[in-house]
């Protein structure tokens, strides 16, 4: 595995999720049986816009230099770990009422992937 593959996978997931949240926020929230009032729909659209931005950034980062990829990998690791924590808290508190395993698995998978690329793979080269 390398940064290019992980960036492309992360970009596709972020872009798809972001576009759903921007254009059909009630449908996106319904997948998790979450409230879809006007405020929640607005915040969901804002989150979707951020995910689209992240997806595009990672898509174009796949062709960046090695140092830039490592830096973006560290940033993505931090974001994935933070997202994992938020998803676990959301599931434990009952905010995410159904399918809470989906964001947990997605964030955990990307956290493990970026953790491998940032910390383990460089040691394997030595």
N, C-alpha and C. Protein backbone atom coordinates (compact mmCIF):
# COMPACT_ATOMS: atom_id res chain seq x y z
N UNK A 1 0.84 -1.17 0.00
CA UNK A 1 0.00 0.00 0.00
C UNK A 1 0.89 1.23 0.00
N UNK A 2 0.42 2.27 -0.69
CA UNK A 2 1.15 3.52 -0.70
C UNK A 2 0.17 4.68 -0.55
N UNK A 3 0.72 5.88 -0.42
CA UNK A 3 -0.11 7.06 -0.22
C UNK A 3 -1.09 7.26 -1.38
N UNK A 4 -0.63 7.02 -2.59
CA UNK A 4 -1.49 7.26 -3.76
C UNK A 4 -2.77 6.43 -3.68
N UNK A 5 -2.66 5.16 -3.36
CA UNK A 5 -3.82 4.29 -3.28
C UNK A 5 -4.76 4.74 -2.15
N UNK A 6 -4.19 5.02 -0.98
CA UNK A 6 -5.01 5.42 0.16
C UNK A 6 -5.66 6.78 -0.08
N UNK A 7 -4.92 7.70 -0.70
CA UNK A 7 -5.51 9.01 -1.01
C UNK A 7 -6.68 8.86 -1.98
N UNK A 8 -6.54 8.02 -2.98
CA UNK A 8 -7.63 7.83 -3.95
C UNK A 8 -8.85 7.21 -3.26
N UNK A 9 -8.64 6.17 -2.44
CA UNK A 9 -9.76 5.56 -1.72
C UNK A 9 -10.44 6.56 -0.80
N UNK A 10 -9.65 7.31 -0.05
CA UNK A 10 -10.20 8.30 0.87
C UNK A 10 -10.91 9.40 0.10
N UNK A 11 -10.36 9.82 -1.03
CA UNK A 11 -10.98 10.86 -1.85
C UNK A 11 -12.34 10.42 -2.36
N UNK A 12 -12.43 9.19 -2.84
CA UNK A 12 -13.69 8.68 -3.38
C UNK A 12 -14.75 8.61 -2.27
N UNK A 13 -14.38 8.07 -1.11
CA UNK A 13 -15.32 7.98 0.01
C UNK A 13 -15.77 9.38 0.45
N UNK A 14 -14.81 10.29 0.61
CA UNK A 14 -15.15 11.64 1.05
C UNK A 14 -16.01 12.38 0.02
N UNK A 15 -15.67 12.26 -1.25
CA UNK A 15 -16.46 12.92 -2.29
C UNK A 15 -17.88 12.38 -2.35
N UNK A 16 -18.04 11.07 -2.34
CA UNK A 16 -19.38 10.49 -2.40
C UNK A 16 -20.22 10.88 -1.19
N UNK A 17 -19.64 10.74 -0.01
CA UNK A 17 -20.37 11.10 1.21
C UNK A 17 -20.68 12.60 1.21
N UNK A 18 -19.71 13.40 0.82
CA UNK A 18 -19.91 14.85 0.80
C UNK A 18 -21.00 15.27 -0.16
N UNK A 19 -21.02 14.70 -1.35
CA UNK A 19 -22.05 15.06 -2.33
C UNK A 19 -23.44 14.65 -1.85
N UNK A 20 -23.54 13.49 -1.23
CA UNK A 20 -24.84 13.07 -0.67
C UNK A 20 -25.28 14.05 0.40
N UNK A 21 -24.37 14.42 1.28
CA UNK A 21 -24.73 15.32 2.38
C UNK A 21 -25.05 16.73 1.90
N UNK A 22 -24.42 17.18 0.84
CA UNK A 22 -24.71 18.51 0.31
C UNK A 22 -26.06 18.54 -0.40
N UNK A 23 -26.33 17.55 -1.24
CA UNK A 23 -27.50 17.61 -2.10
C UNK A 23 -28.75 16.94 -1.53
N UNK A 24 -28.60 15.94 -0.71
CA UNK A 24 -29.76 15.28 -0.10
C UNK A 24 -29.46 15.00 1.39
N UNK A 25 -29.35 16.06 2.19
CA UNK A 25 -28.96 15.87 3.59
C UNK A 25 -29.95 15.04 4.39
N UNK A 26 -31.24 15.18 4.11
CA UNK A 26 -32.23 14.40 4.87
C UNK A 26 -32.06 12.91 4.60
N UNK A 27 -31.74 12.55 3.38
CA UNK A 27 -31.51 11.15 3.04
C UNK A 27 -30.25 10.63 3.74
N UNK A 28 -29.21 11.44 3.75
CA UNK A 28 -27.98 11.05 4.44
C UNK A 28 -28.20 10.84 5.93
N UNK A 29 -28.94 11.75 6.55
CA UNK A 29 -29.23 11.62 7.98
C UNK A 29 -30.16 10.44 8.26
N UNK A 30 -31.07 10.17 7.33
CA UNK A 30 -32.02 9.06 7.52
C UNK A 30 -31.30 7.71 7.56
N UNK A 31 -30.16 7.60 6.88
CA UNK A 31 -29.41 6.33 6.89
C UNK A 31 -28.95 5.96 8.29
N UNK A 32 -28.85 6.97 9.17
CA UNK A 32 -28.42 6.75 10.55
C UNK A 32 -29.54 7.03 11.54
N UNK A 33 -30.78 7.21 11.02
CA UNK A 33 -31.96 7.50 11.84
C UNK A 33 -31.72 8.71 12.73
N UNK A 34 -31.10 9.73 12.15
CA UNK A 34 -30.81 10.96 12.88
C UNK A 34 -31.84 12.02 12.52
N UNK A 35 -32.01 12.99 13.41
CA UNK A 35 -32.96 14.07 13.17
C UNK A 35 -32.59 14.84 11.91
N UNK A 36 -33.61 15.29 11.18
CA UNK A 36 -33.37 16.00 9.93
C UNK A 36 -34.14 17.32 9.91
N UNK A 37 -34.09 18.04 11.04
CA UNK A 37 -34.72 19.36 11.07
C UNK A 37 -33.88 20.33 10.25
N UNK A 38 -34.35 21.53 10.11
CA UNK A 38 -33.69 22.52 9.25
C UNK A 38 -32.25 22.77 9.71
N UNK A 39 -32.04 22.90 11.01
CA UNK A 39 -30.69 23.15 11.52
C UNK A 39 -29.76 21.98 11.21
N UNK A 40 -30.23 20.77 11.45
CA UNK A 40 -29.41 19.60 11.17
C UNK A 40 -29.10 19.49 9.68
N UNK A 41 -30.07 19.81 8.84
CA UNK A 41 -29.83 19.75 7.40
C UNK A 41 -28.79 20.78 6.98
N UNK A 42 -28.84 21.97 7.56
CA UNK A 42 -27.84 22.99 7.23
C UNK A 42 -26.44 22.53 7.65
N UNK A 43 -26.33 22.04 8.87
CA UNK A 43 -25.02 21.57 9.35
C UNK A 43 -24.54 20.37 8.56
N UNK A 44 -25.46 19.53 8.13
CA UNK A 44 -25.10 18.39 7.30
C UNK A 44 -24.56 18.85 5.96
N UNK A 45 -25.17 19.87 5.38
CA UNK A 45 -24.66 20.43 4.12
C UNK A 45 -23.27 21.02 4.32
N UNK A 46 -23.04 21.70 5.45
CA UNK A 46 -21.71 22.26 5.73
C UNK A 46 -20.68 21.14 5.86
N UNK A 47 -21.03 20.08 6.55
CA UNK A 47 -20.14 18.93 6.66
C UNK A 47 -19.87 18.33 5.28
N UNK A 48 -20.92 18.23 4.46
CA UNK A 48 -20.76 17.71 3.11
C UNK A 48 -19.80 18.54 2.29
N UNK A 49 -19.90 19.86 2.40
CA UNK A 49 -18.99 20.74 1.68
C UNK A 49 -17.54 20.52 2.13
N UNK A 50 -17.35 20.34 3.43
CA UNK A 50 -16.00 20.07 3.95
C UNK A 50 -15.48 18.73 3.43
N UNK A 51 -16.35 17.73 3.35
CA UNK A 51 -15.93 16.42 2.83
C UNK A 51 -15.58 16.50 1.35
N UNK A 52 -16.33 17.27 0.59
CA UNK A 52 -15.99 17.45 -0.83
C UNK A 52 -14.63 18.11 -0.96
N UNK A 53 -14.38 19.13 -0.14
CA UNK A 53 -13.08 19.80 -0.16
C UNK A 53 -11.95 18.83 0.20
N UNK A 54 -12.16 18.04 1.24
CA UNK A 54 -11.16 17.04 1.62
C UNK A 54 -10.93 16.03 0.50
N UNK A 55 -12.01 15.57 -0.09
CA UNK A 55 -11.90 14.59 -1.18
C UNK A 55 -11.10 15.13 -2.35
N UNK A 56 -11.38 16.37 -2.74
CA UNK A 56 -10.65 16.97 -3.86
C UNK A 56 -9.18 17.19 -3.50
N UNK A 57 -8.93 17.61 -2.27
CA UNK A 57 -7.54 17.81 -1.82
C UNK A 57 -6.76 16.49 -1.90
N UNK A 58 -7.36 15.43 -1.38
CA UNK A 58 -6.67 14.14 -1.40
C UNK A 58 -6.53 13.60 -2.81
N UNK A 59 -7.52 13.86 -3.66
CA UNK A 59 -7.43 13.40 -5.04
C UNK A 59 -6.22 14.02 -5.74
N UNK A 60 -6.03 15.33 -5.54
CA UNK A 60 -4.91 16.00 -6.19
C UNK A 60 -3.59 15.73 -5.48
N UNK A 61 -3.64 15.32 -4.21
CA UNK A 61 -2.42 15.02 -3.45
C UNK A 61 -1.79 13.70 -3.89
N UNK A 62 -2.55 12.87 -4.58
CA UNK A 62 -2.00 11.57 -4.98
C UNK A 62 -0.79 11.72 -5.88
N UNK A 63 -0.68 12.86 -6.56
CA UNK A 63 0.45 13.09 -7.46
C UNK A 63 1.49 14.03 -6.88
N UNK A 64 1.36 14.37 -5.59
CA UNK A 64 2.30 15.29 -4.94
C UNK A 64 3.62 14.57 -4.65
N UNK A 65 4.59 15.35 -4.24
CA UNK A 65 5.89 14.80 -3.88
C UNK A 65 5.82 14.00 -2.59
N UNK A 66 6.89 13.26 -2.33
CA UNK A 66 6.92 12.37 -1.17
C UNK A 66 6.75 13.10 0.15
N UNK A 67 7.40 14.25 0.32
CA UNK A 67 7.29 15.00 1.57
C UNK A 67 5.88 15.53 1.77
N UNK A 68 5.28 16.03 0.71
CA UNK A 68 3.91 16.54 0.80
C UNK A 68 2.94 15.41 1.11
N UNK A 69 3.15 14.25 0.51
CA UNK A 69 2.27 13.11 0.79
C UNK A 69 2.40 12.67 2.25
N UNK A 70 3.61 12.66 2.76
CA UNK A 70 3.80 12.29 4.16
C UNK A 70 3.10 13.28 5.08
N UNK A 71 3.23 14.57 4.81
CA UNK A 71 2.58 15.59 5.64
C UNK A 71 1.06 15.46 5.56
N UNK A 72 0.53 15.27 4.38
CA UNK A 72 -0.91 15.08 4.24
C UNK A 72 -1.35 13.77 4.88
N UNK A 73 -0.51 12.77 4.84
CA UNK A 73 -0.81 11.51 5.51
C UNK A 73 -0.91 11.69 7.02
N UNK A 74 0.00 12.48 7.60
CA UNK A 74 -0.07 12.76 9.04
C UNK A 74 -1.34 13.55 9.38
N UNK A 75 -1.69 14.52 8.56
CA UNK A 75 -2.91 15.29 8.78
C UNK A 75 -4.14 14.39 8.65
N UNK A 76 -4.14 13.52 7.67
CA UNK A 76 -5.27 12.61 7.48
C UNK A 76 -5.37 11.59 8.61
N UNK A 77 -4.23 11.18 9.15
CA UNK A 77 -4.24 10.30 10.31
C UNK A 77 -4.91 10.99 11.49
N UNK A 78 -4.52 12.23 11.74
CA UNK A 78 -5.13 12.99 12.83
C UNK A 78 -6.62 13.15 12.63
N UNK A 79 -7.04 13.48 11.42
CA UNK A 79 -8.46 13.63 11.13
C UNK A 79 -9.22 12.32 11.26
N UNK A 80 -8.61 11.22 10.83
CA UNK A 80 -9.27 9.92 10.92
C UNK A 80 -9.44 9.48 12.37
N UNK A 81 -8.42 9.71 13.19
CA UNK A 81 -8.51 9.35 14.61
C UNK A 81 -9.58 10.21 15.29
N UNK A 82 -9.59 11.49 15.00
CA UNK A 82 -10.59 12.38 15.58
C UNK A 82 -11.99 11.98 15.12
N UNK A 83 -12.14 11.67 13.85
CA UNK A 83 -13.43 11.21 13.33
C UNK A 83 -13.88 9.91 13.99
N UNK A 84 -12.93 9.01 14.24
CA UNK A 84 -13.24 7.76 14.92
C UNK A 84 -13.76 8.02 16.32
N UNK A 85 -13.12 8.92 17.03
CA UNK A 85 -13.57 9.27 18.39
C UNK A 85 -14.97 9.85 18.35
N UNK A 86 -15.23 10.77 17.43
CA UNK A 86 -16.55 11.39 17.31
C UNK A 86 -17.60 10.34 16.95
N UNK A 87 -17.28 9.42 16.05
CA UNK A 87 -18.22 8.38 15.66
C UNK A 87 -18.53 7.45 16.84
N UNK A 88 -17.54 7.11 17.61
CA UNK A 88 -17.76 6.24 18.78
C UNK A 88 -18.63 6.96 19.81
N UNK A 89 -18.35 8.22 20.07
CA UNK A 89 -19.16 8.99 21.01
C UNK A 89 -20.60 9.11 20.49
N UNK A 90 -20.76 9.36 19.20
CA UNK A 90 -22.09 9.45 18.61
C UNK A 90 -22.86 8.15 18.73
N UNK A 91 -22.18 7.04 18.53
CA UNK A 91 -22.84 5.74 18.66
C UNK A 91 -23.17 5.43 20.12
N UNK A 92 -22.23 5.70 21.01
CA UNK A 92 -22.43 5.40 22.43
C UNK A 92 -23.52 6.26 23.06
N UNK A 93 -23.65 7.50 22.60
CA UNK A 93 -24.63 8.41 23.19
C UNK A 93 -26.02 8.26 22.57
N UNK A 94 -26.11 7.51 21.49
CA UNK A 94 -27.41 7.31 20.85
C UNK A 94 -27.77 8.36 19.82
N UNK A 95 -26.86 9.26 19.51
CA UNK A 95 -27.13 10.27 18.47
C UNK A 95 -27.22 9.58 17.12
N UNK A 96 -26.29 8.67 16.86
CA UNK A 96 -26.36 7.84 15.65
C UNK A 96 -27.16 6.61 16.06
N UNK A 97 -28.41 6.53 15.63
CA UNK A 97 -29.33 5.51 16.15
C UNK A 97 -29.21 4.16 15.45
N UNK A 98 -28.89 4.16 14.17
CA UNK A 98 -28.72 2.89 13.44
C UNK A 98 -27.50 3.01 12.55
N UNK A 99 -26.97 1.89 12.15
CA UNK A 99 -25.80 1.85 11.25
C UNK A 99 -24.60 2.62 11.78
N UNK A 100 -24.47 2.70 13.10
CA UNK A 100 -23.34 3.44 13.67
C UNK A 100 -22.01 2.77 13.36
N UNK A 101 -22.04 1.50 13.00
CA UNK A 101 -20.81 0.77 12.69
C UNK A 101 -20.17 1.31 11.41
N UNK A 102 -20.96 1.90 10.50
CA UNK A 102 -20.40 2.34 9.22
C UNK A 102 -19.35 3.42 9.40
N UNK A 103 -19.65 4.56 10.06
CA UNK A 103 -18.58 5.55 10.23
C UNK A 103 -17.43 5.06 11.10
N UNK A 104 -17.74 4.20 12.07
CA UNK A 104 -16.67 3.67 12.92
C UNK A 104 -15.70 2.84 12.08
N UNK A 105 -16.22 1.96 11.26
CA UNK A 105 -15.37 1.11 10.42
C UNK A 105 -14.59 1.95 9.40
N UNK A 106 -15.25 2.91 8.78
CA UNK A 106 -14.58 3.75 7.78
C UNK A 106 -13.44 4.54 8.41
N UNK A 107 -13.72 5.22 9.54
CA UNK A 107 -12.66 6.00 10.18
C UNK A 107 -11.54 5.10 10.71
N UNK A 108 -11.89 3.95 11.27
CA UNK A 108 -10.87 3.02 11.78
C UNK A 108 -9.98 2.51 10.65
N UNK A 109 -10.59 2.17 9.52
CA UNK A 109 -9.82 1.66 8.39
C UNK A 109 -8.83 2.72 7.88
N UNK A 110 -9.30 3.96 7.72
CA UNK A 110 -8.39 5.01 7.25
C UNK A 110 -7.34 5.35 8.31
N UNK A 111 -7.70 5.32 9.58
CA UNK A 111 -6.72 5.58 10.64
C UNK A 111 -5.63 4.50 10.62
N UNK A 112 -6.03 3.25 10.46
CA UNK A 112 -5.04 2.17 10.39
C UNK A 112 -4.16 2.30 9.14
N UNK A 113 -4.78 2.64 8.01
CA UNK A 113 -4.01 2.81 6.77
C UNK A 113 -3.00 3.94 6.88
N UNK A 114 -3.44 5.09 7.35
CA UNK A 114 -2.52 6.22 7.48
C UNK A 114 -1.49 5.95 8.57
N UNK A 115 -1.89 5.30 9.66
CA UNK A 115 -0.94 4.95 10.71
C UNK A 115 0.16 4.05 10.18
N UNK A 116 -0.23 3.08 9.35
CA UNK A 116 0.76 2.19 8.73
C UNK A 116 1.72 2.98 7.85
N UNK A 117 1.17 3.84 6.99
CA UNK A 117 2.03 4.58 6.06
C UNK A 117 2.94 5.58 6.77
N UNK A 118 2.45 6.18 7.83
CA UNK A 118 3.25 7.20 8.52
C UNK A 118 4.29 6.58 9.45
N UNK A 119 3.91 5.53 10.19
CA UNK A 119 4.80 5.02 11.23
C UNK A 119 5.48 3.68 10.90
N UNK A 120 4.79 2.75 10.27
CA UNK A 120 5.32 1.41 10.07
C UNK A 120 6.12 1.29 8.78
N UNK A 121 5.58 1.74 7.68
CA UNK A 121 6.23 1.55 6.39
C UNK A 121 7.63 2.17 6.32
N UNK A 122 7.86 3.38 6.87
CA UNK A 122 9.22 3.91 6.82
C UNK A 122 10.24 3.03 7.56
N UNK A 123 9.81 2.37 8.62
CA UNK A 123 10.72 1.49 9.36
C UNK A 123 10.99 0.19 8.58
N UNK A 124 10.05 -0.20 7.72
CA UNK A 124 10.24 -1.40 6.92
C UNK A 124 11.32 -1.19 5.86
N UNK A 125 11.55 0.06 5.46
CA UNK A 125 12.55 0.36 4.44
C UNK A 125 13.96 0.30 5.00
N UNK A 126 14.08 0.48 6.31
CA UNK A 126 15.41 0.51 6.94
C UNK A 126 16.04 -0.85 7.03
